[in-house]
Amino acid sequence: MIDRAPDKITPQIEQILASQNFIIDYKNLKVREAGATLFANFTIKVDPNLSIGKAHALADEIEIKIKSAFPNSEIYIHIEPTELPDYMFS
């Protein structure tokens, strides 16, 4: 099976990510197609004070939005907190 990087899909996923108010940043977006399936893998940066449950629910929301735009897709989202200020560790 040969995979390829789609030209027009990455900007559409970037637009979906940019439209999410709770994402502070995202990185390492990798989008590939293998056969009829689209694979997207990326990291979102969120408020470090979010609960794990809330962060997971937000990632689920992103996955639903991407899958509604690209029904035959597999989405892998890694969640990271933004950097905490040094004063929080003293």
C-alpha atoms as a PDB file:
ATOM      1  CA  MET A   1       0.000   0.000   0.000  1.00  0.00           C
ATOM      2  CA  ILE A   2       1.352   3.399  -0.943  1.00  0.00           C
ATOM      3  CA  ASP A   3       0.397   6.470   1.027  1.00  0.00           C
ATOM      4  CA  ARG A   4       0.608  10.122   0.062  1.00  0.00           C
ATOM      5  CA  ALA A   5       0.279  13.560   1.596  1.00  0.00           C
ATOM      6  CA  PRO A   6      -2.895  15.277   0.372  1.00  0.00           C
ATOM      7  CA  ASP A   7      -2.441  18.832  -0.894  1.00  0.00           C
ATOM      8  CA  LYS A   8      -5.838  20.338  -0.137  1.00  0.00           C
ATOM      9  CA  ILE A   9      -6.855  18.499   3.009  1.00  0.00           C
ATOM     10  CA  THR A  10      -4.215  19.804   5.426  1.00  0.00           C
ATOM     11  CA  PRO A  11      -5.388  23.453   5.160  1.00  0.00           C
ATOM     12  CA  GLN A  12      -8.967  22.337   5.811  1.00  0.00           C
ATOM     13  CA  ILE A  13      -7.938  20.515   8.982  1.00  0.00           C
ATOM     14  CA  GLU A  14      -5.855  23.530  10.038  1.00  0.00           C
ATOM     15  CA  GLN A  15      -8.968  25.681   9.604  1.00  0.00           C
ATOM     16  CA  ILE A  16     -10.991  23.331  11.832  1.00  0.00           C
ATOM     17  CA  LEU A  17      -8.271  23.448  14.511  1.00  0.00           C
ATOM     18  CA  ALA A  18      -7.961  27.241  14.310  1.00  0.00           C
ATOM     19  CA  SER A  19     -11.713  27.607  14.815  1.00  0.00           C
ATOM     20  CA  GLN A  20     -11.637  25.828  18.197  1.00  0.00           C
ATOM     21  CA  ASN A  21     -11.603  28.426  20.990  1.00  0.00           C
ATOM     22  CA  PHE A  22     -10.228  26.056  23.627  1.00  0.00           C
ATOM     23  CA  ILE A  23      -7.092  25.157  21.661  1.00  0.00           C
ATOM     24  CA  ILE A  24      -4.253  27.473  22.615  1.00  0.00           C
ATOM     25  CA  ASP A  25      -2.019  26.016  19.911  1.00  0.00           C
ATOM     26  CA  TYR A  26      -1.500  22.888  17.832  1.00  0.00           C
ATOM     27  CA  LYS A  27       1.614  21.281  16.395  1.00  0.00           C
ATOM     28  CA  ASN A  28       2.978  18.313  14.472  1.00  0.00           C
ATOM     29  CA  LEU A  29       0.014  18.044  12.117  1.00  0.00           C
ATOM     30  CA  LYS A  30       0.617  15.105   9.815  1.00  0.00           C
ATOM     31  CA  VAL A  31      -1.989  14.158   7.230  1.00  0.00           C
ATOM     32  CA  ARG A  32      -1.683  11.141   4.943  1.00  0.00           C
ATOM     33  CA  GLU A  33      -3.959   9.185   2.661  1.00  0.00           C
ATOM     34  CA  ALA A  34      -3.606   5.435   2.229  1.00  0.00           C
ATOM     35  CA  GLY A  35      -6.076   4.047  -0.226  1.00  0.00           C
ATOM     36  CA  ALA A  36      -9.455   5.548   0.577  1.00  0.00           C
ATOM     37  CA  THR A  37      -8.580   6.328   4.201  1.00  0.00           C
ATOM     38  CA  LEU A  38      -7.313   9.649   5.522  1.00  0.00           C
ATOM     39  CA  PHE A  39      -5.040   9.612   8.569  1.00  0.00           C
ATOM     40  CA  ALA A  40      -4.449  12.743  10.646  1.00  0.00           C
ATOM     41  CA  ASN A  41      -2.180  12.932  13.669  1.00  0.00           C
ATOM     42  CA  PHE A  42      -1.492  16.082  15.703  1.00  0.00           C
ATOM     43  CA  THR A  43      -0.999  17.580  19.140  1.00  0.00           C
ATOM     44  CA  ILE A  44      -3.257  20.194  20.690  1.00  0.00           C
ATOM     45  CA  LYS A  45      -2.116  22.504  23.481  1.00  0.00           C
ATOM     46  CA  VAL A  46      -4.785  23.332  26.044  1.00  0.00           C
ATOM     47  CA  ASP A  47      -5.118  25.206  29.330  1.00  0.00           C
ATOM     48  CA  PRO A  48      -3.168  23.242  31.956  1.00  0.00           C
ATOM     49  CA  ASN A  49      -6.055  23.714  34.399  1.00  0.00           C
ATOM     50  CA  LEU A  50      -8.515  21.706  32.282  1.00  0.00           C
ATOM     51  CA  SER A  51      -9.536  18.407  33.774  1.00  0.00           C
ATOM     52  CA  ILE A  52      -8.525  15.280  31.901  1.00  0.00           C
ATOM     53  CA  GLY A  53     -12.191  14.583  31.233  1.00  0.00           C
ATOM     54  CA  LYS A  54     -12.817  18.024  29.748  1.00  0.00           C
ATOM     55  CA  ALA A  55      -9.663  17.881  27.600  1.00  0.00           C
ATOM     56  CA  HIS A  56     -10.698  14.459  26.310  1.00  0.00           C
ATOM     57  CA  ALA A  57     -14.212  15.690  25.525  1.00  0.00           C
ATOM     58  CA  LEU A  58     -12.741  18.612  23.581  1.00  0.00           C
ATOM     59  CA  ALA A  59     -10.524  16.248  21.589  1.00  0.00           C
ATOM     60  CA  ASP A  60     -13.609  14.150  20.830  1.00  0.00           C
ATOM     61  CA  GLU A  61     -15.335  17.295  19.548  1.00  0.00           C
ATOM     62  CA  ILE A  62     -12.440  17.991  17.176  1.00  0.00           C
ATOM     63  CA  GLU A  63     -12.492  14.398  15.950  1.00  0.00           C
ATOM     64  CA  ILE A  64     -16.223  14.618  15.209  1.00  0.00           C
ATOM     65  CA  LYS A  65     -15.744  17.837  13.224  1.00  0.00           C
ATOM     66  CA  ILE A  66     -12.895  16.406  11.163  1.00  0.00           C
ATOM     67  CA  LYS A  67     -14.751  13.144  10.546  1.00  0.00           C
ATOM     68  CA  SER A  68     -17.831  15.049   9.419  1.00  0.00           C
ATOM     69  CA  ALA A  69     -15.669  16.803   6.827  1.00  0.00           C
ATOM     70  CA  PHE A  70     -13.742  13.613   5.954  1.00  0.00           C
ATOM     71  CA  PRO A  71     -15.951  10.600   6.766  1.00  0.00           C
ATOM     72  CA  ASN A  72     -13.397   7.893   5.938  1.00  0.00           C
ATOM     73  CA  SER A  73     -10.722   9.129   8.334  1.00  0.00           C
ATOM     74  CA  GLU A  74      -8.730   7.999  11.336  1.00  0.00           C
ATOM     75  CA  ILE A  75      -7.853  10.849  13.709  1.00  0.00           C
ATOM     76  CA  TYR A  76      -5.165  10.640  16.394  1.00  0.00           C
ATOM     77  CA  ILE A  77      -4.996  13.557  18.833  1.00  0.00           C
ATOM     78  CA  HIS A  78      -2.373  14.017  21.527  1.00  0.00           C
ATOM     79  CA  ILE A  79      -3.257  16.522  24.268  1.00  0.00           C
ATOM     80  CA  GLU A  80      -0.616  18.609  26.040  1.00  0.00           C
ATOM     81  CA  PRO A  81      -0.984  21.401  28.587  1.00  0.00           C
ATOM     82  CA  THR A  82       0.555  24.718  27.756  1.00  0.00           C
ATOM     83  CA  GLU A  83       3.608  25.590  29.820  1.00  0.00           C
ATOM     84  CA  LEU A  84       2.875  26.353  33.430  1.00  0.00           C
ATOM     85  CA  PRO A  85       4.483  29.445  34.945  1.00  0.00           C
ATOM     86  CA  ASP A  86       7.490  28.733  37.201  1.00  0.00           C
ATOM     87  CA  TYR A  87       5.729  30.197  40.251  1.00  0.00           C
ATOM     88  CA  MET A  88       3.306  27.249  40.193  1.00  0.00           C
ATOM     89  CA  PHE A  89       6.153  24.877  41.079  1.00  0.00           C
ATOM     90  CA  SER A  90       7.562  26.739  44.065  1.00  0.00           C
END
